[in-house]
């Protein structure tokens, strides 16, 4: 719906119909505001990453690959060990986003298995149409937070492991954990380097 055109038409109608009663004019005015708000809501893109990290949950049946590609663009695609990665760069916050999908299913049926937000990334990552990644956090821990904050946050849940890992050829520490006392199928990861948090991930357990 073109809300500006609708509002203009209704406004013209009000001008012509000066004899409308007060209650009728108020009703039409409310309709104009409703049309404007509905149009603004429809035009606002869905913030998949921000939603997923805020809820610390996403459903693969909802976050399918094709849906996110339509929202964010195709990104820069790499394939490694049976996983397809789509990379995006949010220039405003200087953050990188990696969406991971299993290459087993046909492209039409692939879902997002993990969302990883990083403070560094590949130069070839595409400046996509993602929402701002500046305020993304995982259990209150943000990129740049002290490593101790991530360790404490993980230990307050269900600690799984801590060990070395490689991200884009860089050596980092990886902490894996889940929520305590619930089987929601989710797994969380913090990535640490030089005493700081450099990566946050929300994923689906196998």
N, C-alpha and C. Protein backbone atom coordinates (compact mmCIF):
# COMPACT_ATOMS: atom_id res chain seq x y z
N UNK A 1 0.84 -1.19 0.00
CA UNK A 1 0.00 0.00 0.00
C UNK A 1 0.88 1.24 0.00
N UNK A 2 0.56 2.23 -0.86
CA UNK A 2 1.26 3.51 -0.87
C UNK A 2 0.56 4.41 0.14
N UNK A 3 1.09 4.49 1.36
CA UNK A 3 0.41 5.21 2.43
C UNK A 3 0.36 6.70 2.18
N UNK A 4 1.41 7.24 1.52
CA UNK A 4 1.40 8.68 1.24
C UNK A 4 0.27 9.04 0.28
N UNK A 5 0.08 8.18 -0.74
CA UNK A 5 -1.00 8.43 -1.70
C UNK A 5 -2.35 8.29 -1.02
N UNK A 6 -2.48 7.26 -0.15
CA UNK A 6 -3.75 7.06 0.57
C UNK A 6 -4.07 8.25 1.45
N UNK A 7 -3.02 8.72 2.21
CA UNK A 7 -3.24 9.85 3.09
C UNK A 7 -3.62 11.10 2.30
N UNK A 8 -2.99 11.28 1.12
CA UNK A 8 -3.28 12.43 0.29
C UNK A 8 -4.72 12.40 -0.21
N UNK A 9 -5.16 11.22 -0.64
CA UNK A 9 -6.53 11.09 -1.13
C UNK A 9 -7.54 11.37 -0.04
N UNK A 10 -7.27 10.84 1.16
CA UNK A 10 -8.19 11.06 2.28
C UNK A 10 -8.21 12.53 2.67
N UNK A 11 -6.98 13.15 2.64
CA UNK A 11 -6.89 14.57 2.97
C UNK A 11 -7.70 15.40 1.99
N UNK A 12 -7.61 15.06 0.69
CA UNK A 12 -8.38 15.79 -0.33
C UNK A 12 -9.87 15.63 -0.09
N UNK A 13 -10.25 14.43 0.29
CA UNK A 13 -11.66 14.16 0.58
C UNK A 13 -12.14 15.04 1.73
N UNK A 14 -11.31 15.16 2.78
CA UNK A 14 -11.68 15.98 3.92
C UNK A 14 -11.84 17.44 3.52
N UNK A 15 -10.98 17.92 2.64
CA UNK A 15 -11.04 19.31 2.20
C UNK A 15 -12.34 19.58 1.45
N UNK A 16 -12.72 18.62 0.61
CA UNK A 16 -13.93 18.81 -0.18
C UNK A 16 -15.18 18.70 0.67
N UNK A 17 -15.10 17.82 1.67
CA UNK A 17 -16.28 17.55 2.49
C UNK A 17 -16.19 18.31 3.80
N UNK A 18 -16.16 19.65 3.69
CA UNK A 18 -16.01 20.48 4.88
C UNK A 18 -17.18 20.33 5.84
N UNK A 19 -18.29 19.83 5.37
CA UNK A 19 -19.45 19.73 6.22
C UNK A 19 -19.49 18.48 7.09
N UNK A 20 -18.46 17.65 7.06
CA UNK A 20 -18.46 16.44 7.88
C UNK A 20 -18.55 16.81 9.34
N UNK A 21 -19.24 15.98 10.10
CA UNK A 21 -19.31 16.19 11.53
C UNK A 21 -17.96 15.97 12.19
N UNK A 22 -17.85 16.48 13.42
CA UNK A 22 -16.56 16.38 14.14
C UNK A 22 -16.16 14.94 14.34
N UNK A 23 -17.08 14.07 14.74
CA UNK A 23 -16.75 12.67 14.99
C UNK A 23 -16.32 11.97 13.71
N UNK A 24 -16.96 12.33 12.59
CA UNK A 24 -16.58 11.72 11.32
C UNK A 24 -15.17 12.15 10.93
N UNK A 25 -14.87 13.45 11.12
CA UNK A 25 -13.52 13.93 10.78
C UNK A 25 -12.46 13.25 11.65
N UNK A 26 -12.77 13.05 12.93
CA UNK A 26 -11.82 12.37 13.82
C UNK A 26 -11.61 10.93 13.38
N UNK A 27 -12.68 10.29 12.94
CA UNK A 27 -12.57 8.89 12.50
C UNK A 27 -11.71 8.76 11.27
N UNK A 28 -11.88 9.68 10.32
CA UNK A 28 -11.07 9.64 9.10
C UNK A 28 -9.62 9.96 9.42
N UNK A 29 -9.39 10.90 10.35
CA UNK A 29 -8.01 11.23 10.75
C UNK A 29 -7.32 10.02 11.36
N UNK A 30 -8.06 9.27 12.17
CA UNK A 30 -7.50 8.06 12.78
C UNK A 30 -7.15 7.04 11.71
N UNK A 31 -8.00 6.96 10.67
CA UNK A 31 -7.73 6.03 9.57
C UNK A 31 -6.44 6.41 8.85
N UNK A 32 -6.21 7.72 8.66
CA UNK A 32 -4.98 8.17 8.02
C UNK A 32 -3.77 7.74 8.83
N UNK A 33 -3.81 7.96 10.15
CA UNK A 33 -2.69 7.57 11.02
C UNK A 33 -2.46 6.07 10.98
N UNK A 34 -3.55 5.29 11.00
CA UNK A 34 -3.43 3.84 10.96
C UNK A 34 -2.77 3.38 9.67
N UNK A 35 -3.14 3.98 8.55
CA UNK A 35 -2.54 3.63 7.26
C UNK A 35 -1.05 3.94 7.26
N UNK A 36 -0.69 5.09 7.83
CA UNK A 36 0.73 5.49 7.86
C UNK A 36 1.54 4.54 8.71
N UNK A 37 1.02 4.18 9.91
CA UNK A 37 1.75 3.27 10.78
C UNK A 37 1.86 1.88 10.17
N UNK A 38 0.79 1.42 9.51
CA UNK A 38 0.83 0.11 8.88
C UNK A 38 1.86 0.08 7.77
N UNK A 39 1.93 1.15 6.99
CA UNK A 39 2.91 1.21 5.91
C UNK A 39 4.32 1.25 6.43
N UNK A 40 4.57 2.01 7.52
CA UNK A 40 5.91 2.08 8.09
C UNK A 40 6.35 0.74 8.64
N UNK A 41 5.39 0.01 9.27
CA UNK A 41 5.72 -1.30 9.82
C UNK A 41 6.07 -2.27 8.72
N UNK A 42 5.30 -2.23 7.61
CA UNK A 42 5.55 -3.16 6.52
C UNK A 42 6.89 -2.87 5.85
N UNK A 43 7.30 -1.59 5.83
CA UNK A 43 8.53 -1.23 5.15
C UNK A 43 9.77 -1.52 6.00
N UNK A 44 9.56 -1.68 7.31
CA UNK A 44 10.70 -1.90 8.19
C UNK A 44 11.22 -3.32 8.03
N UNK A 45 12.49 -3.52 7.65
CA UNK A 45 13.01 -4.88 7.46
C UNK A 45 13.13 -5.62 8.79
N UNK A 46 12.95 -6.90 8.74
CA UNK A 46 13.05 -7.71 9.94
C UNK A 46 14.50 -7.85 10.36
N UNK A 47 14.78 -7.68 11.66
CA UNK A 47 16.14 -7.75 12.19
C UNK A 47 16.41 -9.16 12.70
N UNK A 48 16.71 -10.08 11.78
CA UNK A 48 16.87 -11.49 12.15
C UNK A 48 17.99 -11.71 13.17
N UNK A 49 19.14 -11.08 12.95
CA UNK A 49 20.28 -11.31 13.84
C UNK A 49 20.00 -10.73 15.22
N UNK A 50 19.57 -9.49 15.26
CA UNK A 50 19.28 -8.85 16.54
C UNK A 50 18.22 -9.64 17.32
N UNK A 51 17.19 -10.11 16.63
CA UNK A 51 16.14 -10.90 17.28
C UNK A 51 16.70 -12.19 17.85
N UNK A 52 17.52 -12.88 17.06
CA UNK A 52 18.04 -14.17 17.47
C UNK A 52 18.94 -14.06 18.69
N UNK A 53 19.80 -13.04 18.71
CA UNK A 53 20.69 -12.86 19.86
C UNK A 53 19.92 -12.35 21.08
N UNK A 54 18.93 -11.51 20.87
CA UNK A 54 18.15 -11.01 22.00
C UNK A 54 17.37 -12.13 22.67
N UNK A 55 16.79 -13.03 21.84
CA UNK A 55 16.02 -14.15 22.38
C UNK A 55 16.92 -15.34 22.72
N UNK A 56 18.16 -15.32 22.18
CA UNK A 56 19.11 -16.44 22.32
C UNK A 56 18.47 -17.74 21.81
N UNK A 57 17.72 -17.58 20.73
CA UNK A 57 16.98 -18.71 20.18
C UNK A 57 16.57 -18.40 18.75
N UNK A 58 16.64 -19.38 17.89
CA UNK A 58 15.98 -19.26 16.60
C UNK A 58 15.61 -20.65 16.12
N UNK A 59 14.57 -20.71 15.31
CA UNK A 59 14.08 -21.98 14.78
C UNK A 59 14.56 -22.14 13.35
N UNK A 60 15.21 -23.24 13.02
CA UNK A 60 15.70 -23.42 11.66
C UNK A 60 14.58 -23.44 10.63
N UNK A 61 13.39 -23.85 11.06
CA UNK A 61 12.28 -23.89 10.12
C UNK A 61 11.81 -22.48 9.76
N UNK A 62 12.12 -21.52 10.62
CA UNK A 62 11.77 -20.13 10.35
C UNK A 62 12.93 -19.41 9.67
N UNK A 63 14.13 -19.61 10.21
CA UNK A 63 15.32 -18.96 9.66
C UNK A 63 15.89 -19.80 8.52
N UNK A 64 15.14 -19.92 7.45
CA UNK A 64 15.66 -20.67 6.32
C UNK A 64 16.57 -19.77 5.50
N UNK A 65 17.49 -20.41 4.79
CA UNK A 65 18.51 -19.67 4.06
C UNK A 65 17.92 -18.71 3.04
N UNK A 66 16.93 -19.16 2.30
CA UNK A 66 16.37 -18.32 1.24
C UNK A 66 15.74 -17.06 1.81
N UNK A 67 15.12 -17.17 2.98
CA UNK A 67 14.47 -16.02 3.61
C UNK A 67 15.51 -14.96 3.98
N UNK A 68 16.63 -15.40 4.56
CA UNK A 68 17.66 -14.45 4.96
C UNK A 68 18.41 -13.89 3.76
N UNK A 69 18.58 -14.68 2.71
CA UNK A 69 19.22 -14.17 1.50
C UNK A 69 18.37 -13.07 0.87
N UNK A 70 17.05 -13.26 0.90
CA UNK A 70 16.17 -12.21 0.38
C UNK A 70 16.30 -10.94 1.21
N UNK A 71 16.50 -11.11 2.51
CA UNK A 71 16.58 -9.94 3.40
C UNK A 71 17.94 -9.26 3.34
N UNK A 72 19.02 -10.05 3.33
CA UNK A 72 20.37 -9.50 3.48
C UNK A 72 21.20 -9.51 2.20
N UNK A 73 20.70 -10.19 1.16
CA UNK A 73 21.50 -10.35 -0.05
C UNK A 73 22.30 -11.65 0.03
N UNK A 74 22.96 -12.06 -1.06
CA UNK A 74 23.65 -13.35 -1.10
C UNK A 74 24.92 -13.41 -0.28
N UNK A 75 25.52 -12.25 0.02
CA UNK A 75 26.77 -12.26 0.78
C UNK A 75 27.93 -12.81 -0.03
N UNK A 76 29.06 -12.99 0.64
CA UNK A 76 30.22 -13.64 0.04
C UNK A 76 30.23 -15.08 0.54
N UNK A 77 30.18 -16.03 -0.37
CA UNK A 77 29.96 -17.43 -0.02
C UNK A 77 31.26 -18.22 -0.05
N UNK A 78 31.49 -19.00 1.02
CA UNK A 78 32.59 -19.96 1.06
C UNK A 78 32.02 -21.30 1.51
N UNK A 79 32.69 -22.38 1.17
CA UNK A 79 32.28 -23.72 1.58
C UNK A 79 33.47 -24.41 2.21
N UNK A 80 33.24 -25.02 3.37
CA UNK A 80 34.33 -25.70 4.08
C UNK A 80 33.76 -26.84 4.92
N UNK A 81 34.31 -28.03 4.73
CA UNK A 81 33.93 -29.20 5.53
C UNK A 81 32.42 -29.42 5.56
N UNK A 82 31.79 -29.32 4.42
CA UNK A 82 30.36 -29.60 4.34
C UNK A 82 29.45 -28.49 4.82
N UNK A 83 30.03 -27.32 5.11
CA UNK A 83 29.24 -26.18 5.55
C UNK A 83 29.39 -25.03 4.57
N UNK A 84 28.29 -24.36 4.33
CA UNK A 84 28.31 -23.16 3.48
C UNK A 84 28.22 -21.93 4.39
N UNK A 85 29.13 -20.99 4.15
CA UNK A 85 29.15 -19.77 4.96
C UNK A 85 28.85 -18.56 4.07
N UNK A 86 27.96 -17.72 4.54
CA UNK A 86 27.67 -16.45 3.88
C UNK A 86 28.17 -15.33 4.78
N UNK A 87 29.06 -14.51 4.24
CA UNK A 87 29.69 -13.44 5.01
C UNK A 87 29.13 -12.08 4.63
N UNK A 88 28.89 -11.26 5.66
CA UNK A 88 28.41 -9.89 5.47
C UNK A 88 29.23 -8.95 6.37
N UNK A 89 29.32 -7.70 5.95
CA UNK A 89 30.03 -6.70 6.74
C UNK A 89 29.11 -5.52 7.00
N UNK A 90 28.92 -5.19 8.27
CA UNK A 90 28.15 -4.01 8.65
C UNK A 90 29.15 -2.87 8.84
N UNK A 91 29.27 -2.03 7.82
CA UNK A 91 30.29 -0.98 7.83
C UNK A 91 30.07 0.03 8.95
N UNK A 92 28.81 0.30 9.30
CA UNK A 92 28.52 1.30 10.32
C UNK A 92 29.10 0.92 11.68
N UNK A 93 29.01 -0.37 12.04
CA UNK A 93 29.55 -0.82 13.32
C UNK A 93 30.90 -1.51 13.19
N UNK A 94 31.34 -1.72 11.93
CA UNK A 94 32.57 -2.46 11.64
C UNK A 94 32.53 -3.84 12.29
N UNK A 95 31.41 -4.52 12.08
CA UNK A 95 31.21 -5.89 12.56
C UNK A 95 30.95 -6.79 11.37
N UNK A 96 31.30 -8.06 11.52
CA UNK A 96 31.07 -9.04 10.47
C UNK A 96 30.04 -10.06 10.93
N UNK A 97 29.28 -10.57 9.97
CA UNK A 97 28.28 -11.59 10.24
C UNK A 97 28.55 -12.79 9.34
N UNK A 98 28.53 -13.98 9.95
CA UNK A 98 28.65 -15.21 9.18
C UNK A 98 27.44 -16.09 9.46
N UNK A 99 26.74 -16.46 8.38
CA UNK A 99 25.61 -17.36 8.48
C UNK A 99 26.05 -18.73 7.97
N UNK A 100 25.83 -19.76 8.76
CA UNK A 100 26.29 -21.11 8.40
C UNK A 100 25.11 -22.01 8.07
N UNK A 101 25.26 -22.81 7.00
CA UNK A 101 24.24 -23.77 6.59
C UNK A 101 24.89 -25.07 6.18
N UNK A 102 24.26 -26.18 6.51
CA UNK A 102 24.73 -27.50 6.09
C UNK A 102 24.47 -27.67 4.60
N UNK A 103 25.48 -28.11 3.85
CA UNK A 103 25.31 -28.28 2.41
C UNK A 103 24.61 -29.59 2.05
N UNK A 104 24.29 -30.41 3.04
CA UNK A 104 23.62 -31.68 2.78
C UNK A 104 22.29 -31.52 2.04
N UNK A 105 21.37 -30.74 2.59
CA UNK A 105 20.09 -30.55 1.90
C UNK A 105 20.27 -29.73 0.62
N UNK A 106 19.32 -29.89 -0.30
CA UNK A 106 19.32 -29.07 -1.51
C UNK A 106 19.16 -27.61 -1.12
N UNK A 107 19.68 -26.68 -1.94
CA UNK A 107 19.64 -25.25 -1.58
C UNK A 107 18.27 -24.76 -1.16
N UNK A 108 17.22 -25.26 -1.78
CA UNK A 108 15.87 -24.81 -1.47
C UNK A 108 15.47 -25.14 -0.03
N UNK A 109 16.09 -26.20 0.54
CA UNK A 109 15.68 -26.66 1.88
C UNK A 109 16.72 -26.38 2.96
N UNK A 110 17.74 -25.61 2.64
CA UNK A 110 18.77 -25.33 3.64
C UNK A 110 18.27 -24.31 4.67
N UNK A 111 18.69 -24.54 5.89
CA UNK A 111 18.35 -23.61 6.97
C UNK A 111 19.63 -23.03 7.55
N UNK A 112 19.48 -21.99 8.35
CA UNK A 112 20.62 -21.40 9.03
C UNK A 112 20.88 -22.20 10.30
N UNK A 113 22.09 -22.73 10.44
CA UNK A 113 22.44 -23.53 11.61
C UNK A 113 23.18 -22.72 12.67
N UNK A 114 23.80 -21.62 12.26
CA UNK A 114 24.53 -20.80 13.22
C UNK A 114 24.65 -19.37 12.71
N UNK A 115 24.59 -18.42 13.64
CA UNK A 115 24.88 -17.02 13.37
C UNK A 115 26.08 -16.63 14.21
N UNK A 116 27.11 -16.12 13.55
CA UNK A 116 28.33 -15.71 14.23
C UNK A 116 28.59 -14.24 13.93
N UNK A 117 28.74 -13.44 14.97
CA UNK A 117 29.08 -12.02 14.83
C UNK A 117 30.50 -11.83 15.33
N UNK A 118 31.35 -11.19 14.49
CA UNK A 118 32.77 -11.06 14.78
C UNK A 118 33.23 -9.61 14.72
N UNK A 119 34.30 -9.33 15.45
CA UNK A 119 34.91 -8.00 15.38
C UNK A 119 35.95 -7.93 14.27
N UNK A 120 36.18 -9.02 13.56
CA UNK A 120 37.05 -9.04 12.40
C UNK A 120 36.45 -9.99 11.38
N UNK A 121 36.91 -9.88 10.13
CA UNK A 121 36.33 -10.74 9.11
C UNK A 121 37.07 -10.63 7.81
N UNK A 122 36.65 -11.40 6.81
CA UNK A 122 37.32 -11.38 5.51
C UNK A 122 37.08 -10.07 4.77
N UNK A 123 38.10 -9.53 4.12
CA UNK A 123 37.93 -8.28 3.36
C UNK A 123 36.88 -8.39 2.26
N UNK A 124 36.68 -9.61 1.76
CA UNK A 124 35.74 -9.78 0.66
C UNK A 124 34.28 -9.90 1.12
N UNK A 125 34.06 -9.85 2.43
CA UNK A 125 32.68 -9.93 2.92
C UNK A 125 31.85 -8.81 2.32
N UNK A 126 30.64 -9.13 1.95
CA UNK A 126 29.78 -8.18 1.26
C UNK A 126 29.10 -7.25 2.27
N UNK A 127 29.06 -5.96 1.92
CA UNK A 127 28.32 -5.00 2.73
C UNK A 127 26.84 -5.23 2.44
N UNK A 128 26.22 -6.08 3.22
CA UNK A 128 24.84 -6.47 2.97
C UNK A 128 23.84 -5.51 3.58
N UNK A 129 22.60 -5.95 3.62
CA UNK A 129 21.51 -5.12 4.13
C UNK A 129 21.13 -5.54 5.54
N UNK A 130 22.13 -5.92 6.33
CA UNK A 130 21.83 -6.35 7.69
C UNK A 130 21.46 -5.15 8.55
N UNK A 131 20.81 -5.44 9.65
CA UNK A 131 20.59 -4.39 10.64
C UNK A 131 21.93 -4.07 11.30
N UNK A 132 21.99 -3.00 12.08
CA UNK A 132 23.24 -2.66 12.77
C UNK A 132 23.60 -3.78 13.75
N UNK A 133 24.85 -4.16 13.75
CA UNK A 133 25.33 -5.22 14.65
C UNK A 133 26.02 -4.65 15.88
N UNK A 134 25.98 -3.33 16.04
CA UNK A 134 26.74 -2.67 17.11
C UNK A 134 26.31 -3.11 18.50
N UNK A 135 25.03 -3.32 18.72
CA UNK A 135 24.55 -3.60 20.08
C UNK A 135 24.26 -5.07 20.34
N UNK A 136 24.64 -5.95 19.42
CA UNK A 136 24.40 -7.39 19.61
C UNK A 136 25.18 -7.88 20.83
N UNK A 137 24.50 -8.63 21.68
CA UNK A 137 25.18 -9.24 22.84
C UNK A 137 24.63 -10.63 23.06
N UNK A 138 25.36 -11.42 23.84
CA UNK A 138 24.96 -12.79 24.18
C UNK A 138 25.06 -12.96 25.68
N UNK A 139 23.92 -13.04 26.34
CA UNK A 139 23.86 -13.09 27.80
C UNK A 139 24.60 -11.92 28.43
N UNK A 140 24.44 -10.75 27.84
CA UNK A 140 25.04 -9.54 28.38
C UNK A 140 26.48 -9.30 27.98
N UNK A 141 27.09 -10.24 27.26
CA UNK A 141 28.48 -10.11 26.83
C UNK A 141 28.51 -9.60 25.39
N UNK A 142 29.31 -8.55 25.15
CA UNK A 142 29.40 -7.95 23.83
C UNK A 142 30.80 -8.15 23.25
N UNK A 143 30.93 -7.88 21.96
CA UNK A 143 32.26 -7.86 21.35
C UNK A 143 33.07 -6.76 22.04
N UNK A 144 34.30 -7.10 22.41
CA UNK A 144 35.14 -6.16 23.12
C UNK A 144 35.06 -6.29 24.62
N UNK A 145 34.10 -7.06 25.14
CA UNK A 145 34.02 -7.27 26.59
C UNK A 145 35.24 -8.04 27.07
N UNK A 146 35.63 -7.88 28.35
CA UNK A 146 36.74 -8.67 28.87
C UNK A 146 36.45 -10.17 28.80
N UNK A 147 37.47 -10.96 28.55
CA UNK A 147 37.31 -12.41 28.45
C UNK A 147 36.70 -12.98 29.73
N UNK A 148 37.05 -12.41 30.89
CA UNK A 148 36.51 -12.90 32.16
C UNK A 148 34.99 -12.81 32.21
N UNK A 149 34.41 -11.79 31.57
CA UNK A 149 32.95 -11.66 31.55
C UNK A 149 32.33 -12.83 30.80
N UNK A 150 32.95 -13.23 29.70
CA UNK A 150 32.44 -14.36 28.92
C UNK A 150 32.56 -15.66 29.70
N UNK A 151 33.68 -15.85 30.36
CA UNK A 151 33.90 -17.07 31.15
C UNK A 151 32.87 -17.18 32.26
N UNK A 152 32.62 -16.09 32.97
CA UNK A 152 31.64 -16.09 34.05
C UNK A 152 30.23 -16.35 33.52
N UNK A 153 29.89 -15.74 32.39
CA UNK A 153 28.55 -15.92 31.81
C UNK A 153 28.33 -17.38 31.40
N UNK A 154 29.36 -18.00 30.82
CA UNK A 154 29.24 -19.40 30.40
C UNK A 154 29.14 -20.33 31.60
N UNK A 155 29.91 -20.05 32.64
CA UNK A 155 29.90 -20.92 33.82
C UNK A 155 28.60 -20.82 34.60
N UNK A 156 27.88 -19.72 34.43
CA UNK A 156 26.58 -19.60 35.10
C UNK A 156 25.52 -20.44 34.38
N UNK A 157 25.83 -20.90 33.17
CA UNK A 157 24.94 -21.78 32.43
C UNK A 157 25.48 -23.21 32.51
N UNK A 158 25.41 -23.93 31.40
CA UNK A 158 25.92 -25.30 31.39
C UNK A 158 27.20 -25.34 30.55
N UNK A 159 28.33 -25.27 31.23
CA UNK A 159 29.65 -25.22 30.59
C UNK A 159 29.91 -26.52 29.86
N UNK A 160 30.37 -26.44 28.60
CA UNK A 160 30.70 -27.63 27.83
C UNK A 160 32.21 -27.78 27.65
N UNK A 161 32.84 -26.78 27.07
CA UNK A 161 34.27 -26.90 26.82
C UNK A 161 34.90 -25.53 26.57
N UNK A 162 36.22 -25.51 26.73
CA UNK A 162 37.02 -24.34 26.37
C UNK A 162 38.30 -24.85 25.74
N UNK A 163 38.62 -24.36 24.57
CA UNK A 163 39.81 -24.86 23.89
C UNK A 163 40.20 -23.98 22.72
N UNK A 164 41.33 -24.29 22.11
CA UNK A 164 41.81 -23.50 20.97
C UNK A 164 40.95 -23.74 19.73
N UNK A 165 40.90 -22.73 18.89
CA UNK A 165 40.16 -22.83 17.62
C UNK A 165 40.80 -21.89 16.62
N UNK A 166 40.39 -22.03 15.37
CA UNK A 166 40.87 -21.16 14.30
C UNK A 166 39.68 -20.46 13.65
N UNK A 167 39.80 -19.16 13.51
CA UNK A 167 38.82 -18.38 12.77
C UNK A 167 39.56 -17.53 11.76
N UNK A 168 39.30 -17.80 10.48
CA UNK A 168 39.96 -17.05 9.41
C UNK A 168 41.47 -17.08 9.56
N UNK A 169 41.99 -18.24 9.96
CA UNK A 169 43.44 -18.41 10.10
C UNK A 169 44.01 -17.80 11.36
N UNK A 170 43.18 -17.25 12.21
CA UNK A 170 43.66 -16.65 13.45
C UNK A 170 43.35 -17.58 14.62
N UNK A 171 44.30 -17.70 15.51
CA UNK A 171 44.12 -18.55 16.68
C UNK A 171 43.29 -17.82 17.73
N UNK A 172 42.23 -18.45 18.18
CA UNK A 172 41.36 -17.89 19.20
C UNK A 172 41.04 -18.97 20.22
N UNK A 173 40.44 -18.58 21.33
CA UNK A 173 39.90 -19.53 22.29
C UNK A 173 38.39 -19.61 22.08
N UNK A 174 37.88 -20.81 22.14
CA UNK A 174 36.45 -21.02 21.95
C UNK A 174 35.84 -21.58 23.23
N UNK A 175 34.76 -20.96 23.68
CA UNK A 175 34.00 -21.46 24.83
C UNK A 175 32.63 -21.87 24.33
N UNK A 176 32.24 -23.11 24.63
CA UNK A 176 30.93 -23.62 24.24
C UNK A 176 30.10 -23.88 25.49
N UNK A 177 28.82 -23.55 25.42
CA UNK A 177 27.94 -23.82 26.56
C UNK A 177 26.50 -23.85 26.09
N UNK A 178 25.63 -24.36 26.94
CA UNK A 178 24.20 -24.38 26.67
C UNK A 178 23.50 -23.79 27.89
N UNK A 179 22.18 -23.65 27.79
CA UNK A 179 21.44 -23.16 28.96
C UNK A 179 21.26 -24.31 29.94
N UNK A 180 21.26 -23.99 31.21
CA UNK A 180 21.15 -25.01 32.25
C UNK A 180 19.69 -25.44 32.43
N UNK A 181 19.49 -26.76 32.47
CA UNK A 181 18.18 -27.29 32.80
C UNK A 181 17.14 -27.21 31.71
N UNK A 182 17.55 -26.92 30.48
CA UNK A 182 16.56 -26.89 29.39
C UNK A 182 17.18 -27.51 28.14
N UNK A 183 16.35 -28.20 27.39
CA UNK A 183 16.81 -28.83 26.16
C UNK A 183 16.14 -28.12 24.99
N UNK A 184 16.64 -26.91 24.69
CA UNK A 184 16.03 -26.13 23.62
C UNK A 184 16.74 -26.32 22.28
N UNK A 185 17.75 -27.20 22.26
CA UNK A 185 18.44 -27.49 21.01
C UNK A 185 19.42 -26.43 20.58
N UNK A 186 19.72 -25.47 21.47
CA UNK A 186 20.61 -24.38 21.12
C UNK A 186 21.98 -24.56 21.78
N UNK A 187 23.01 -24.03 21.11
CA UNK A 187 24.36 -24.02 21.66
C UNK A 187 24.95 -22.63 21.43
N UNK A 188 25.76 -22.20 22.38
CA UNK A 188 26.30 -20.84 22.33
C UNK A 188 27.82 -20.89 22.40
N UNK A 189 28.44 -19.90 21.76
CA UNK A 189 29.91 -19.87 21.75
C UNK A 189 30.40 -18.44 21.93
N UNK A 190 31.46 -18.32 22.74
CA UNK A 190 32.23 -17.08 22.82
C UNK A 190 33.60 -17.37 22.22
N UNK A 191 34.13 -16.39 21.50
CA UNK A 191 35.49 -16.50 20.97
C UNK A 191 36.33 -15.39 21.59
N UNK A 192 37.49 -15.78 22.11
CA UNK A 192 38.35 -14.86 22.85
C UNK A 192 39.71 -14.73 22.18
N UNK A 193 40.28 -13.53 22.27
CA UNK A 193 41.62 -13.30 21.78
C UNK A 193 42.22 -12.11 22.52
N UNK A 194 43.42 -12.31 23.02
CA UNK A 194 44.14 -11.25 23.72
C UNK A 194 43.31 -10.62 24.83
N UNK A 195 42.61 -11.48 25.58
CA UNK A 195 41.86 -11.02 26.74
C UNK A 195 40.55 -10.35 26.44
N UNK A 196 40.08 -10.37 25.18
CA UNK A 196 38.83 -9.73 24.79
C UNK A 196 37.93 -10.71 24.05
N UNK A 197 36.65 -10.42 24.06
CA UNK A 197 35.68 -11.19 23.27
C UNK A 197 35.69 -10.67 21.85
N UNK A 198 35.96 -11.56 20.89
CA UNK A 198 36.00 -11.15 19.48
C UNK A 198 34.90 -11.82 18.65
N UNK A 199 34.15 -12.75 19.26
CA UNK A 199 33.11 -13.42 18.52
C UNK A 199 31.99 -13.92 19.42
N UNK A 200 30.77 -13.87 18.91
CA UNK A 200 29.57 -14.37 19.62
C UNK A 200 28.79 -15.23 18.63
N UNK A 201 28.36 -16.40 19.07
CA UNK A 201 27.64 -17.29 18.16
C UNK A 201 26.42 -17.91 18.83
N UNK A 202 25.34 -17.99 18.08
CA UNK A 202 24.14 -18.69 18.46
C UNK A 202 23.92 -19.76 17.40
N UNK A 203 23.82 -21.03 17.84
CA UNK A 203 23.70 -22.11 16.87
C UNK A 203 22.77 -23.21 17.34
N UNK A 204 22.59 -24.17 16.46
CA UNK A 204 21.72 -25.32 16.73
C UNK A 204 22.60 -26.53 16.99
N UNK A 205 22.31 -27.29 18.05
CA UNK A 205 23.07 -28.50 18.34
C UNK A 205 22.73 -29.56 17.31
N UNK A 206 23.68 -30.45 17.07
CA UNK A 206 23.45 -31.52 16.08
C UNK A 206 22.53 -32.60 16.65
